[in-house]
Amino acid sequence: MEHKLIAVASDHAGYPLKQHIIGYLEEMGYRYKDFGCNGERSDYPVYAERAAKAVASGECCCGLLFCGTGIGISIAANKIKGIRCACCSDAYSAEFSRLHNDVNMLALGSRVVGTGLAVKLVELFLTTEFEGGRHKDRVDLIMELDAGKEI
């Protein structure tokens, strides 16, 4: 992905990992917008919604989300129309979520992945391009479901 604006958000459990990844983004020259939280005890759906709406509207090109497992915040983000968020804890899933599913948000669990692996997963997410082809047809079907249509 180009060095466009990246949405980042977390709850309190994901905050330390979010801060580590922000350091990586800055080091690599990526631009980002932090939608919170700021370390205080918080509810992940609030911050998932803020970041996901920024991605869905086009304000941000993609998003990175963090909570304890990555699962809750990814579920919340996927409730926003136009969002395809994958919760990943291994390199293969992070890479193929972009190659085959054209995900626009990545969720990571701070209690699941360490900082070194998190950097690798973010790097894969940000540098892997969507393959298109037969996968585009499948993503189009997902987006029809997203629009409330039957397929």
Protein backbone atom coordinates (compact mmCIF):
# COMPACT_ATOMS: atom_id res chain seq x y z
CA MET A 1 0.00 0.00 0.00
CA GLU A 2 1.17 3.50 -0.69
CA HIS A 3 2.29 5.68 2.18
CA LYS A 4 -1.18 7.15 2.61
CA LEU A 5 -2.84 7.79 5.95
CA ILE A 6 -3.25 4.65 8.07
CA ALA A 7 -5.90 4.46 10.82
CA VAL A 8 -4.70 2.99 14.12
CA ALA A 9 -6.79 2.26 17.20
CA SER A 10 -6.83 0.08 20.29
CA ASP A 11 -8.46 -0.54 23.60
CA HIS A 12 -6.46 -0.48 26.84
CA ALA A 13 -5.21 -4.06 26.40
CA GLY A 14 -3.93 -3.35 22.91
CA TYR A 15 -2.48 0.06 23.75
CA PRO A 16 1.14 -1.02 24.42
CA LEU A 17 1.31 -2.96 21.13
CA LYS A 18 -0.32 -0.06 19.27
CA GLN A 19 2.37 2.26 20.63
CA HIS A 20 5.10 -0.14 19.51
CA ILE A 21 3.62 -0.33 16.00
CA ILE A 22 3.27 3.46 15.85
CA GLY A 23 7.03 3.60 16.46
CA TYR A 24 7.55 1.20 13.55
CA LEU A 25 5.26 3.26 11.29
CA GLU A 26 7.17 6.42 12.14
CA GLU A 27 10.52 4.71 11.55
CA MET A 28 9.36 3.50 8.13
CA GLY A 29 7.90 6.86 7.10
CA TYR A 30 4.24 5.82 7.16
CA ARG A 31 1.63 8.45 7.98
CA TYR A 32 -1.04 7.47 10.50
CA LYS A 33 -3.95 8.85 12.48
CA ASP A 34 -4.47 7.52 15.99
CA PHE A 35 -8.15 7.10 16.86
CA GLY A 36 -7.44 6.15 20.50
CA CYS A 37 -7.48 4.93 23.12
CA ASN A 38 -4.78 6.69 25.08
CA GLY A 39 -4.14 3.88 27.52
CA GLU A 40 -7.19 4.39 29.72
CA ARG A 41 -9.60 1.51 30.39
CA SER A 42 -11.87 1.47 27.37
CA ASP A 43 -14.32 -0.47 25.24
CA TYR A 44 -12.85 -1.70 21.94
CA PRO A 45 -16.03 -1.23 19.84
CA VAL A 46 -15.78 2.55 20.31
CA TYR A 47 -12.27 2.73 18.84
CA ALA A 48 -12.91 0.08 16.19
CA GLU A 49 -15.84 2.14 14.94
CA ARG A 50 -13.83 5.37 14.77
CA ALA A 51 -10.96 3.82 12.81
CA ALA A 52 -13.19 1.66 10.59
CA LYS A 53 -15.35 4.63 9.59
CA ALA A 54 -12.19 6.51 8.58
CA VAL A 55 -11.16 3.58 6.37
CA ALA A 56 -14.65 3.06 4.94
CA SER A 57 -14.98 6.76 4.07
CA GLY A 58 -11.59 6.88 2.36
CA GLU A 59 -10.05 9.26 4.90
CA CYS A 60 -7.55 6.48 5.62
CA CYS A 61 -6.31 3.87 3.15
CA CYS A 62 -6.31 1.03 5.67
CA GLY A 63 -6.29 0.38 9.39
CA LEU A 64 -4.48 -1.38 12.19
CA LEU A 65 -6.41 -2.42 15.29
CA PHE A 66 -5.23 -3.82 18.62
CA CYS A 67 -6.96 -5.42 21.60
CA GLY A 68 -6.12 -8.32 23.90
CA THR A 69 -6.87 -11.06 21.36
CA GLY A 70 -7.57 -9.01 18.22
CA ILE A 71 -10.86 -10.85 17.90
CA GLY A 72 -13.28 -8.45 19.57
CA ILE A 73 -11.95 -5.36 17.84
CA SER A 74 -12.01 -7.12 14.46
CA ILE A 75 -15.62 -8.23 14.96
CA ALA A 76 -16.59 -4.65 15.83
CA ALA A 77 -14.74 -3.21 12.82
CA ASN A 78 -16.42 -5.69 10.48
CA LYS A 79 -19.82 -4.27 11.50
CA ILE A 80 -18.95 -1.10 9.57
CA LYS A 81 -20.08 -1.25 5.94
CA GLY A 82 -17.14 -1.58 3.57
CA ILE A 83 -14.71 -3.03 6.10
CA ARG A 84 -12.92 -6.32 5.64
CA CYS A 85 -10.87 -6.77 8.81
CA ALA A 86 -8.78 -9.87 9.47
CA CYS A 87 -7.50 -10.89 12.88
CA CYS A 88 -4.13 -12.53 12.25
CA SER A 89 -1.46 -14.07 14.43
CA ASP A 90 0.72 -15.69 11.75
CA ALA A 91 2.52 -14.47 8.64
CA TYR A 92 0.70 -16.73 6.19
CA SER A 93 -2.73 -15.44 7.24
CA ALA A 94 -1.59 -11.80 7.19
CA GLU A 95 -0.15 -12.17 3.70
CA PHE A 96 -3.06 -14.10 2.20
CA SER A 97 -5.67 -11.88 3.82
CA ARG A 98 -4.31 -9.18 1.51
CA LEU A 99 -3.54 -11.39 -1.53
CA HIS A 100 -6.89 -13.17 -1.67
CA ASN A 101 -9.33 -11.18 0.49
CA ASP A 102 -8.18 -7.59 -0.07
CA VAL A 103 -8.64 -6.84 3.63
CA ASN A 104 -8.47 -3.18 4.49
CA MET A 105 -7.89 -3.58 8.22
CA LEU A 106 -5.64 -5.85 10.27
CA ALA A 107 -6.35 -6.69 13.91
CA LEU A 108 -3.69 -8.01 16.26
CA GLY A 109 -3.95 -9.38 19.78
CA SER A 110 -1.42 -7.93 22.19
CA ARG A 111 -1.79 -11.00 24.43
CA VAL A 112 -1.30 -13.32 21.44
CA VAL A 113 1.58 -11.90 19.39
CA GLY A 114 4.83 -10.37 20.55
CA THR A 115 6.20 -7.11 19.24
CA GLY A 116 8.60 -8.70 16.75
CA LEU A 117 5.89 -10.82 15.15
CA ALA A 118 3.47 -7.87 15.20
CA VAL A 119 5.93 -5.77 13.19
CA LYS A 120 6.28 -8.59 10.65
CA LEU A 121 2.50 -8.97 10.33
CA VAL A 122 2.02 -5.23 9.86
CA GLU A 123 4.83 -5.15 7.29
CA LEU A 124 3.16 -7.97 5.33
CA PHE A 125 -0.22 -6.27 5.55
CA LEU A 126 1.15 -2.94 4.32
CA THR A 127 3.34 -4.29 1.52
CA THR A 128 1.26 -7.13 0.05
CA GLU A 129 -0.95 -6.19 -2.89
CA PHE A 130 -4.30 -7.77 -3.70
CA GLU A 131 -3.97 -10.41 -6.45
CA GLY A 132 -7.34 -9.72 -8.05
CA GLY A 133 -8.48 -12.20 -10.72
CA ARG A 134 -10.73 -14.95 -9.37
CA HIS A 135 -10.23 -13.50 -5.89
CA LYS A 136 -11.83 -10.21 -6.99
CA ASP A 137 -14.99 -12.11 -7.89
CA ARG A 138 -15.09 -13.54 -4.38
CA VAL A 139 -14.44 -10.20 -2.72
CA ASP A 140 -17.22 -8.73 -4.87
CA LEU A 141 -19.56 -11.42 -3.49
CA ILE A 142 -18.51 -10.49 0.06
CA MET A 143 -19.30 -6.86 -0.70
CA GLU A 144 -22.73 -7.86 -2.01
CA LEU A 145 -23.38 -9.50 1.35
CA ASP A 146 -22.09 -6.34 2.99
CA ALA A 147 -24.68 -4.37 1.00
CA GLY A 148 -27.44 -6.63 2.28
CA LYS A 149 -27.94 -8.52 -0.97
CA GLU A 150 -28.42 -12.26 -1.34
CA ILE A 151 -25.85 -14.03 -3.48
